[in-house]
PDB file of N, CA and C in Angstrom:
ATOM      1  N   UNK A   1      42.671  47.978 -84.242  1.00  0.00           N
ATOM      2  CA  UNK A   1      41.256  48.311 -83.421  1.00  0.00           C
ATOM      3  C   UNK A   1      41.115  50.035 -84.239  1.00  0.00           C
ATOM      4  N   UNK A   2      39.547  50.653 -84.086  1.00  0.00           N
ATOM      5  CA  UNK A   2      38.999  50.814 -84.290  1.00  0.00           C
ATOM      6  C   UNK A   2      37.492  51.630 -84.116  1.00  0.00           C
ATOM      7  N   UNK A   3      37.792  52.882 -84.008  1.00  0.00           N
ATOM      8  CA  UNK A   3      36.379  53.735 -83.807  1.00  0.00           C
ATOM      9  C   UNK A   3      35.595  53.831 -85.387  1.00  0.00           C
ATOM     10  N   UNK A   4      34.719  54.049 -83.775  1.00  0.00           N
ATOM     11  CA  UNK A   4      32.766  53.468 -84.711  1.00  0.00           C
ATOM     12  C   UNK A   4      31.765  53.485 -84.871  1.00  0.00           C
ATOM     13  N   UNK A   5      30.505  53.956 -85.310  1.00  0.00           N
ATOM     14  CA  UNK A   5      29.419  54.488 -84.567  1.00  0.00           C
ATOM     15  C   UNK A   5      28.649  53.397 -85.246  1.00  0.00           C
ATOM     16  N   UNK A   6      28.268  52.670 -84.578  1.00  0.00           N
ATOM     17  CA  UNK A   6      26.924  51.881 -84.521  1.00  0.00           C
ATOM     18  C   UNK A   6      24.785  52.322 -85.829  1.00  0.00           C
ATOM     19  N   UNK A   7      25.440  51.465 -86.606  1.00  0.00           N
ATOM     20  CA  UNK A   7      24.252  52.357 -87.196  1.00  0.00           C
ATOM     21  C   UNK A   7      22.560  50.986 -87.202  1.00  0.00           C
ATOM     22  N   UNK A   8      22.778  50.199 -87.081  1.00  0.00           N
ATOM     23  CA  UNK A   8      21.654  49.166 -86.341  1.00  0.00           C
ATOM     24  C   UNK A   8      22.111  48.048 -86.500  1.00  0.00           C
ATOM     25  N   UNK A   9      21.323  47.238 -86.286  1.00  0.00           N
ATOM     26  CA  UNK A   9      21.420  45.834 -86.225  1.00  0.00           C
ATOM     27  C   UNK A   9      20.973  44.966 -87.113  1.00  0.00           C
ATOM     28  N   UNK A  10      21.669  43.414 -87.495  1.00  0.00           N
ATOM     29  CA  UNK A  10      21.028  42.874 -88.753  1.00  0.00           C
ATOM     30  C   UNK A  10      20.906  41.407 -87.891  1.00  0.00           C
ATOM     31  N   UNK A  11      19.492  40.968 -88.240  1.00  0.00           N
ATOM     32  CA  UNK A  11      18.189  39.910 -88.806  1.00  0.00           C
ATOM     33  C   UNK A  11      19.234  38.493 -89.579  1.00  0.00           C
ATOM     34  N   UNK A  12      19.417  37.687 -88.943  1.00  0.00           N
ATOM     35  CA  UNK A  12      19.709  36.687 -90.060  1.00  0.00           C
ATOM     36  C   UNK A  12      19.331  36.033 -89.272  1.00  0.00           C
ATOM     37  N   UNK A  13      17.934  34.902 -90.980  1.00  0.00           N
ATOM     38  CA  UNK A  13      17.266  34.210 -91.055  1.00  0.00           C
ATOM     39  C   UNK A  13      18.330  32.399 -90.236  1.00  0.00           C
ATOM     40  N   UNK A  14      19.157  33.049 -90.664  1.00  0.00           N
ATOM     41  CA  UNK A  14      19.834  31.757 -91.976  1.00  0.00           C
ATOM     42  C   UNK A  14      21.625  32.404 -91.185  1.00  0.00           C
ATOM     43  N   UNK A  15      22.376  31.720 -90.437  1.00  0.00           N
ATOM     44  CA  UNK A  15      24.026  32.256 -90.412  1.00  0.00           C
ATOM     45  C   UNK A  15      24.387  30.616 -89.596  1.00  0.00           C
ATOM     46  N   UNK A  16      25.594  31.798 -89.731  1.00  0.00           N
ATOM     47  CA  UNK A  16      26.782  29.981 -88.505  1.00  0.00           C
ATOM     48  C   UNK A  16      25.928  29.799 -87.637  1.00  0.00           C
ATOM     49  N   UNK A  17      26.422  28.615 -86.514  1.00  0.00           N
ATOM     50  CA  UNK A  17      25.544  28.623 -85.579  1.00  0.00           C
ATOM     51  C   UNK A  17      26.375  28.580 -84.871  1.00  0.00           C
ATOM     52  N   UNK A  18      28.280  29.435 -85.028  1.00  0.00           N
ATOM     53  CA  UNK A  18      28.855  30.286 -83.735  1.00  0.00           C
ATOM     54  C   UNK A  18      27.704  31.410 -83.269  1.00  0.00           C
ATOM     55  N   UNK A  19      27.305  32.133 -84.163  1.00  0.00           N
ATOM     56  CA  UNK A  19      26.200  32.836 -83.974  1.00  0.00           C
ATOM     57  C   UNK A  19      25.269  33.038 -82.785  1.00  0.00           C
ATOM     58  N   UNK A  20      24.573  31.935 -83.001  1.00  0.00           N
ATOM     59  CA  UNK A  20      23.543  32.244 -82.052  1.00  0.00           C
ATOM     60  C   UNK A  20      23.229  32.846 -80.911  1.00  0.00           C
ATOM     61  N   UNK A  21      22.663  33.427 -80.267  1.00  0.00           N
ATOM     62  CA  UNK A  21      22.997  33.629 -79.143  1.00  0.00           C
ATOM     63  C   UNK A  21      23.987  35.402 -79.220  1.00  0.00           C
ATOM     64  N   UNK A  22      23.759  35.545 -80.404  1.00  0.00           N
ATOM     65  CA  UNK A  22      24.572  37.145 -81.014  1.00  0.00           C
ATOM     66  C   UNK A  22      24.008  37.369 -81.199  1.00  0.00           C
ATOM     67  N   UNK A  23      24.456  39.534 -80.570  1.00  0.00           N
ATOM     68  CA  UNK A  23      23.201  39.879 -81.697  1.00  0.00           C
ATOM     69  C   UNK A  23      24.581  41.193 -82.693  1.00  0.00           C
ATOM     70  N   UNK A  24      23.566  40.597 -83.755  1.00  0.00           N
ATOM     71  CA  UNK A  24      24.637  41.339 -85.165  1.00  0.00           C
ATOM     72  C   UNK A  24      24.113  43.133 -84.831  1.00  0.00           C
ATOM     73  N   UNK A  25      26.009  43.770 -84.229  1.00  0.00           N
ATOM     74  CA  UNK A  25      24.989  45.523 -84.379  1.00  0.00           C
ATOM     75  C   UNK A  25      25.532  45.441 -86.855  1.00  0.00           C
ATOM     76  N   UNK A  26      25.767  46.674 -87.066  1.00  0.00           N
ATOM     77  CA  UNK A  26      26.492  46.973 -88.060  1.00  0.00           C
ATOM     78  C   UNK A  26      27.317  48.295 -87.839  1.00  0.00           C
ATOM     79  N   UNK A  27      28.734  48.452 -87.692  1.00  0.00           N
ATOM     80  CA  UNK A  27      29.291  49.029 -87.338  1.00  0.00           C
ATOM     81  C   UNK A  27      29.718  50.022 -88.917  1.00  0.00           C
ATOM     82  N   UNK A  28      30.081  51.487 -88.229  1.00  0.00           N
ATOM     83  CA  UNK A  28      30.747  51.980 -89.854  1.00  0.00           C
ATOM     84  C   UNK A  28      31.824  52.485 -89.439  1.00  0.00           C
ATOM     85  N   UNK A  29      32.867  52.143 -89.150  1.00  0.00           N
ATOM     86  CA  UNK A  29      34.026  53.106 -89.325  1.00  0.00           C
ATOM     87  C   UNK A  29      33.920  54.847 -89.378  1.00  0.00           C
ATOM     88  N   UNK A  30      34.644  55.345 -87.531  1.00  0.00           N
ATOM     89  CA  UNK A  30      34.515  56.901 -88.005  1.00  0.00           C
ATOM     90  C   UNK A  30      35.735  57.320 -87.400  1.00  0.00           C
ATOM     91  N   UNK A  31      36.541  58.384 -88.079  1.00  0.00           N
ATOM     92  CA  UNK A  31      37.291  59.443 -87.790  1.00  0.00           C
ATOM     93  C   UNK A  31      37.521  60.159 -86.225  1.00  0.00           C
ATOM     94  N   UNK A  32      37.809  60.480 -86.022  1.00  0.00           N
ATOM     95  CA  UNK A  32      37.728  62.169 -84.058  1.00  0.00           C
ATOM     96  C   UNK A  32      36.428  62.829 -84.105  1.00  0.00           C
ATOM     97  N   UNK A  33      36.849  63.498 -85.718  1.00  0.00           N
ATOM     98  CA  UNK A  33      35.778  64.396 -85.895  1.00  0.00           C
ATOM     99  C   UNK A  33      34.595  63.803 -86.427  1.00  0.00           C
ATOM    100  N   UNK A  34      34.400  62.144 -85.963  1.00  0.00           N
ATOM    101  CA  UNK A  34      32.429  61.560 -86.378  1.00  0.00           C
ATOM    102  C   UNK A  34      32.617  60.871 -88.757  1.00  0.00           C
ATOM    103  N   UNK A  35      33.708  61.213 -89.055  1.00  0.00           N
ATOM    104  CA  UNK A  35      33.628  61.891 -90.230  1.00  0.00           C
ATOM    105  C   UNK A  35      33.248  60.658 -90.451  1.00  0.00           C
ATOM    106  N   UNK A  36      33.126  59.449 -91.183  1.00  0.00           N
ATOM    107  CA  UNK A  36      33.175  57.910 -92.189  1.00  0.00           C
ATOM    108  C   UNK A  36      34.422  57.956 -92.963  1.00  0.00           C
ATOM    109  N   UNK A  37      34.322  56.565 -92.315  1.00  0.00           N
ATOM    110  CA  UNK A  37      36.268  56.047 -93.092  1.00  0.00           C
ATOM    111  C   UNK A  37      35.739  55.201 -93.240  1.00  0.00           C
ATOM    112  N   UNK A  38      35.731  54.321 -94.366  1.00  0.00           N
ATOM    113  CA  UNK A  38      35.976  52.951 -95.112  1.00  0.00           C
ATOM    114  C   UNK A  38      34.361  51.823 -94.964  1.00  0.00           C
ATOM    115  N   UNK A  39      33.933  51.310 -95.831  1.00  0.00           N
ATOM    116  CA  UNK A  39      32.788  50.926 -95.642  1.00  0.00           C
ATOM    117  C   UNK A  39      32.551  49.409 -93.783  1.00  0.00           C
ATOM    118  N   UNK A  40      31.327  50.148 -93.840  1.00  0.00           N
ATOM    119  CA  UNK A  40      30.710  49.734 -92.425  1.00  0.00           C
ATOM    120  C   UNK A  40      31.334  47.475 -92.953  1.00  0.00           C
ATOM    121  N   UNK A  41      30.872  47.005 -91.048  1.00  0.00           N
ATOM    122  CA  UNK A  41      31.286  46.209 -91.244  1.00  0.00           C
ATOM    123  C   UNK A  41      30.509  45.327 -89.978  1.00  0.00           C
ATOM    124  N   UNK A  42      30.076  44.200 -90.167  1.00  0.00           N
ATOM    125  CA  UNK A  42      29.138  43.564 -88.999  1.00  0.00           C
ATOM    126  C   UNK A  42      30.033  43.173 -87.531  1.00  0.00           C
ATOM    127  N   UNK A  43      29.476  42.960 -86.700  1.00  0.00           N
ATOM    128  CA  UNK A  43      30.219  43.233 -85.415  1.00  0.00           C
ATOM    129  C   UNK A  43      29.636  42.255 -84.234  1.00  0.00           C
ATOM    130  N   UNK A  44      30.220  41.493 -83.948  1.00  0.00           N
ATOM    131  CA  UNK A  44      29.561  41.036 -82.646  1.00  0.00           C
ATOM    132  C   UNK A  44      29.602  41.676 -81.001  1.00  0.00           C
ATOM    133  N   UNK A  45      28.077  41.831 -80.898  1.00  0.00           N
ATOM    134  CA  UNK A  45      27.983  42.313 -79.550  1.00  0.00           C
ATOM    135  C   UNK A  45      27.452  42.313 -78.690  1.00  0.00           C
ATOM    136  N   UNK A  46      28.318  42.271 -77.372  1.00  0.00           N
ATOM    137  CA  UNK A  46      27.803  41.377 -76.547  1.00  0.00           C
ATOM    138  C   UNK A  46      27.967  42.579 -74.630  1.00  0.00           C
ATOM    139  N   UNK A  47      28.186  44.156 -75.397  1.00  0.00           N
ATOM    140  CA  UNK A  47      27.860  45.244 -74.074  1.00  0.00           C
ATOM    141  C   UNK A  47      26.721  45.580 -74.760  1.00  0.00           C
ATOM    142  N   UNK A  48      25.413  45.699 -75.577  1.00  0.00           N
ATOM    143  CA  UNK A  48      24.888  46.467 -75.326  1.00  0.00           C
ATOM    144  C   UNK A  48      23.926  47.539 -75.990  1.00  0.00           C
ATOM    145  N   UNK A  49      25.551  48.053 -77.599  1.00  0.00           N
ATOM    146  CA  UNK A  49      25.560  48.859 -77.705  1.00  0.00           C
ATOM    147  C   UNK A  49      24.384  49.798 -77.822  1.00  0.00           C
ATOM    148  N   UNK A  50      23.504  51.172 -77.859  1.00  0.00           N
ATOM    149  CA  UNK A  50      22.682  51.599 -78.774  1.00  0.00           C
ATOM    150  C   UNK A  50      23.029  52.571 -80.632  1.00  0.00           C
ATOM    151  N   UNK A  51      22.267  52.164 -81.297  1.00  0.00           N
ATOM    152  CA  UNK A  51      21.757  52.822 -82.543  1.00  0.00           C
ATOM    153  C   UNK A  51      22.793  54.288 -82.011  1.00  0.00           C
ATOM    154  N   UNK A  52      23.394  54.852 -83.305  1.00  0.00           N
ATOM    155  CA  UNK A  52      23.510  55.642 -83.228  1.00  0.00           C
ATOM    156  C   UNK A  52      25.182  56.174 -82.172  1.00  0.00           C
ATOM    157  N   UNK A  53      25.455  54.581 -81.233  1.00  0.00           N
ATOM    158  CA  UNK A  53      26.745  54.662 -80.161  1.00  0.00           C
ATOM    159  C   UNK A  53      27.756  54.511 -80.682  1.00  0.00           C
ATOM    160  N   UNK A  54      28.804  55.808 -80.041  1.00  0.00           N
ATOM    161  CA  UNK A  54      29.916  55.627 -80.563  1.00  0.00           C
ATOM    162  C   UNK A  54      30.134  53.906 -79.872  1.00  0.00           C
ATOM    163  N   UNK A  55      31.667  53.360 -80.595  1.00  0.00           N
ATOM    164  CA  UNK A  55      32.180  51.771 -79.553  1.00  0.00           C
ATOM    165  C   UNK A  55      34.110  51.937 -80.309  1.00  0.00           C
ATOM    166  N   UNK A  56      34.080  51.185 -79.701  1.00  0.00           N
ATOM    167  CA  UNK A  56      35.586  51.255 -80.450  1.00  0.00           C
ATOM    168  C   UNK A  56      35.290  49.122 -80.813  1.00  0.00           C
ATOM    169  N   UNK A  57      35.968  48.882 -81.882  1.00  0.00           N
ATOM    170  CA  UNK A  57      34.967  47.610 -82.812  1.00  0.00           C
ATOM    171  C   UNK A  57      37.061  46.991 -82.840  1.00  0.00           C
ATOM    172  N   UNK A  58      36.993  45.683 -82.983  1.00  0.00           N
ATOM    173  CA  UNK A  58      38.911  45.018 -83.602  1.00  0.00           C
ATOM    174  C   UNK A  58      37.863  44.537 -84.233  1.00  0.00           C
ATOM    175  N   UNK A  59      38.937  44.132 -85.498  1.00  0.00           N
ATOM    176  CA  UNK A  59      39.220  43.280 -86.465  1.00  0.00           C
ATOM    177  C   UNK A  59      40.284  41.889 -86.278  1.00  0.00           C
ATOM    178  N   UNK A  60      39.911  41.334 -84.628  1.00  0.00           N
ATOM    179  CA  UNK A  60      41.151  40.744 -84.256  1.00  0.00           C
ATOM    180  C   UNK A  60      40.496  39.388 -84.307  1.00  0.00           C
ATOM    181  N   UNK A  61      40.582  38.201 -85.598  1.00  0.00           N
ATOM    182  CA  UNK A  61      39.521  37.621 -85.943  1.00  0.00           C
ATOM    183  C   UNK A  61      40.133  36.068 -84.083  1.00  0.00           C
ATOM    184  N   UNK A  62      41.133  35.656 -84.254  1.00  0.00           N
ATOM    185  CA  UNK A  62      41.431  35.090 -83.305  1.00  0.00           C
ATOM    186  C   UNK A  62      40.617  35.343 -81.606  1.00  0.00           C
ATOM    187  N   UNK A  63      40.161  36.390 -81.567  1.00  0.00           N
ATOM    188  CA  UNK A  63      39.443  36.967 -80.395  1.00  0.00           C
ATOM    189  C   UNK A  63      38.220  36.709 -80.398  1.00  0.00           C
ATOM    190  N   UNK A  64      36.824  37.493 -81.490  1.00  0.00           N
ATOM    191  CA  UNK A  64      35.929  37.311 -82.014  1.00  0.00           C
ATOM    192  C   UNK A  64      35.864  35.426 -81.558  1.00  0.00           C
ATOM    193  N   UNK A  65      36.515  34.423 -82.426  1.00  0.00           N
ATOM    194  CA  UNK A  65      36.447  32.894 -82.220  1.00  0.00           C
ATOM    195  C   UNK A  65      36.418  32.476 -81.055  1.00  0.00           C
ATOM    196  N   UNK A  66      37.362  33.046 -80.507  1.00  0.00           N
ATOM    197  CA  UNK A  66      37.404  33.091 -79.022  1.00  0.00           C
ATOM    198  C   UNK A  66      36.110  33.200 -78.071  1.00  0.00           C
ATOM    199  N   UNK A  67      35.947  34.108 -78.365  1.00  0.00           N
ATOM    200  CA  UNK A  67      34.441  35.066 -77.252  1.00  0.00           C
ATOM    201  C   UNK A  67      33.514  34.377 -77.802  1.00  0.00           C
ATOM    202  N   UNK A  68      32.661  33.394 -78.921  1.00  0.00           N
ATOM    203  CA  UNK A  68      31.735  32.976 -79.074  1.00  0.00           C
ATOM    204  C   UNK A  68      32.231  31.526 -79.651  1.00  0.00           C
ATOM    205  N   UNK A  69      33.079  31.142 -78.966  1.00  0.00           N
ATOM    206  CA  UNK A  69      33.878  29.599 -78.419  1.00  0.00           C
ATOM    207  C   UNK A  69      34.275  28.488 -79.708  1.00  0.00           C
ATOM    208  N   UNK A  70      34.432  29.080 -80.699  1.00  0.00           N
ATOM    209  CA  UNK A  70      34.077  28.176 -81.336  1.00  0.00           C
ATOM    210  C   UNK A  70      35.697  28.224 -82.606  1.00  0.00           C
ATOM    211  N   UNK A  71      36.568  27.767 -82.889  1.00  0.00           N
ATOM    212  CA  UNK A  71      37.492  27.838 -83.506  1.00  0.00           C
ATOM    213  C   UNK A  71      37.511  27.909 -84.818  1.00  0.00           C
ATOM    214  N   UNK A  72      36.705  27.689 -86.020  1.00  0.00           N
ATOM    215  CA  UNK A  72      36.312  27.863 -86.988  1.00  0.00           C
ATOM    216  C   UNK A  72      35.111  28.240 -87.338  1.00  0.00           C
ATOM    217  N   UNK A  73      34.586  29.452 -86.559  1.00  0.00           N
ATOM    218  CA  UNK A  73      33.209  30.174 -86.680  1.00  0.00           C
ATOM    219  C   UNK A  73      33.497  31.161 -87.668  1.00  0.00           C
ATOM    220  N   UNK A  74      33.714  32.367 -88.583  1.00  0.00           N
ATOM    221  CA  UNK A  74      34.233  32.840 -89.322  1.00  0.00           C
ATOM    222  C   UNK A  74      33.657  34.040 -88.743  1.00  0.00           C
ATOM    223  N   UNK A  75      33.825  34.320 -87.676  1.00  0.00           N
ATOM    224  CA  UNK A  75      33.407  36.056 -87.198  1.00  0.00           C
ATOM    225  C   UNK A  75      34.842  36.373 -87.132  1.00  0.00           C
ATOM    226  N   UNK A  76      35.171  37.624 -87.439  1.00  0.00           N
ATOM    227  CA  UNK A  76      36.219  38.737 -87.213  1.00  0.00           C
ATOM    228  C   UNK A  76      35.927  39.708 -86.022  1.00  0.00           C
ATOM    229  N   UNK A  77      34.475  40.358 -86.163  1.00  0.00           N
ATOM    230  CA  UNK A  77      34.367  41.838 -85.206  1.00  0.00           C
ATOM    231  C   UNK A  77      33.467  41.660 -84.592  1.00  0.00           C
ATOM    232  N   UNK A  78      34.414  42.249 -83.649  1.00  0.00           N
ATOM    233  CA  UNK A  78      33.311  42.499 -82.056  1.00  0.00           C
ATOM    234  C   UNK A  78      34.001  43.936 -81.714  1.00  0.00           C
ATOM    235  N   UNK A  79      32.719  44.081 -80.812  1.00  0.00           N
ATOM    236  CA  UNK A  79      32.168  45.112 -79.944  1.00  0.00           C
ATOM    237  C   UNK A  79      33.221  44.831 -78.531  1.00  0.00           C
ATOM    238  N   UNK A  80      34.820  46.061 -78.576  1.00  0.00           N
ATOM    239  CA  UNK A  80      35.465  45.511 -77.328  1.00  0.00           C
ATOM    240  C   UNK A  80      34.874  46.366 -76.551  1.00  0.00           C
ATOM    241  N   UNK A  81      33.887  47.871 -76.936  1.00  0.00           N
ATOM    242  CA  UNK A  81      33.884  49.230 -75.704  1.00  0.00           C
ATOM    243  C   UNK A  81      33.295  49.894 -76.580  1.00  0.00           C
ATOM    244  N   UNK A  82      32.138  50.854 -75.431  1.00  0.00           N
ATOM    245  CA  UNK A  82      31.654  51.985 -75.548  1.00  0.00           C
ATOM    246  C   UNK A  82      32.269  52.957 -75.207  1.00  0.00           C
ATOM    247  N   UNK A  83      32.521  54.424 -76.400  1.00  0.00           N
ATOM    248  CA  UNK A  83      33.438  54.746 -76.485  1.00  0.00           C
ATOM    249  C   UNK A  83      31.758  56.015 -74.868  1.00  0.00           C
ATOM    250  N   UNK A  84      32.718  56.129 -73.914  1.00  0.00           N
ATOM    251  CA  UNK A  84      31.611  57.168 -73.177  1.00  0.00           C
ATOM    252  C   UNK A  84      31.582  58.967 -73.646  1.00  0.00           C
ATOM    253  N   UNK A  85      30.246  58.821 -73.224  1.00  0.00           N
ATOM    254  CA  UNK A  85      30.070  61.089 -73.595  1.00  0.00           C
ATOM    255  C   UNK A  85      31.036  62.382 -72.434  1.00  0.00           C
ATOM    256  N   UNK A  86      31.385  62.562 -73.118  1.00  0.00           N
ATOM    257  CA  UNK A  86      31.517  63.039 -71.802  1.00  0.00           C
ATOM    258  C   UNK A  86      30.886  64.643 -72.096  1.00  0.00           C
ATOM    259  N   UNK A  87      29.839  65.320 -71.621  1.00  0.00           N
ATOM    260  CA  UNK A  87      29.450  66.723 -71.228  1.00  0.00           C
ATOM    261  C   UNK A  87      29.837  67.974 -70.675  1.00  0.00           C
ATOM    262  N   UNK A  88      29.881  68.295 -71.427  1.00  0.00           N
ATOM    263  CA  UNK A  88      29.526  70.187 -70.210  1.00  0.00           C
ATOM    264  C   UNK A  88      31.317  69.982 -69.831  1.00  0.00           C
ATOM    265  N   UNK A  89      32.292  68.976 -70.251  1.00  0.00           N
ATOM    266  CA  UNK A  89      33.414  68.802 -70.022  1.00  0.00           C
ATOM    267  C   UNK A  89      34.374  69.899 -71.256  1.00  0.00           C
ATOM    268  N   UNK A  90      35.095  70.461 -70.787  1.00  0.00           N
ATOM    269  CA  UNK A  90      35.941  71.470 -71.395  1.00  0.00           C
ATOM    270  C   UNK A  90      37.700  71.517 -70.999  1.00  0.00           C
ATOM    271  N   UNK A  91      38.686  72.000 -72.319  1.00  0.00           N
ATOM    272  CA  UNK A  91      39.481  71.061 -72.576  1.00  0.00           C
ATOM    273  C   UNK A  91      40.306  72.677 -72.192  1.00  0.00           C
TER     274      UNK A  91
END
């Protein structure tokens, strides 16, 4: 699992049939301080994450293939949660 920031969505005119009906988002893995780490990944998103929202993504290809319902799907990344922001909280 990685912490990431949604940088945009992806529109594909041709794609694997298992991606039909799924929203594809571009996720930039980030560190706890928000700095980019590594290269952006394309993930399926069933949670409706917004632009620049922090999310948790998983590279568990088996779970992603089960989510799309196709054991032969090329999907690898999926958004597994949206990170809630703490507003005004002190530690």
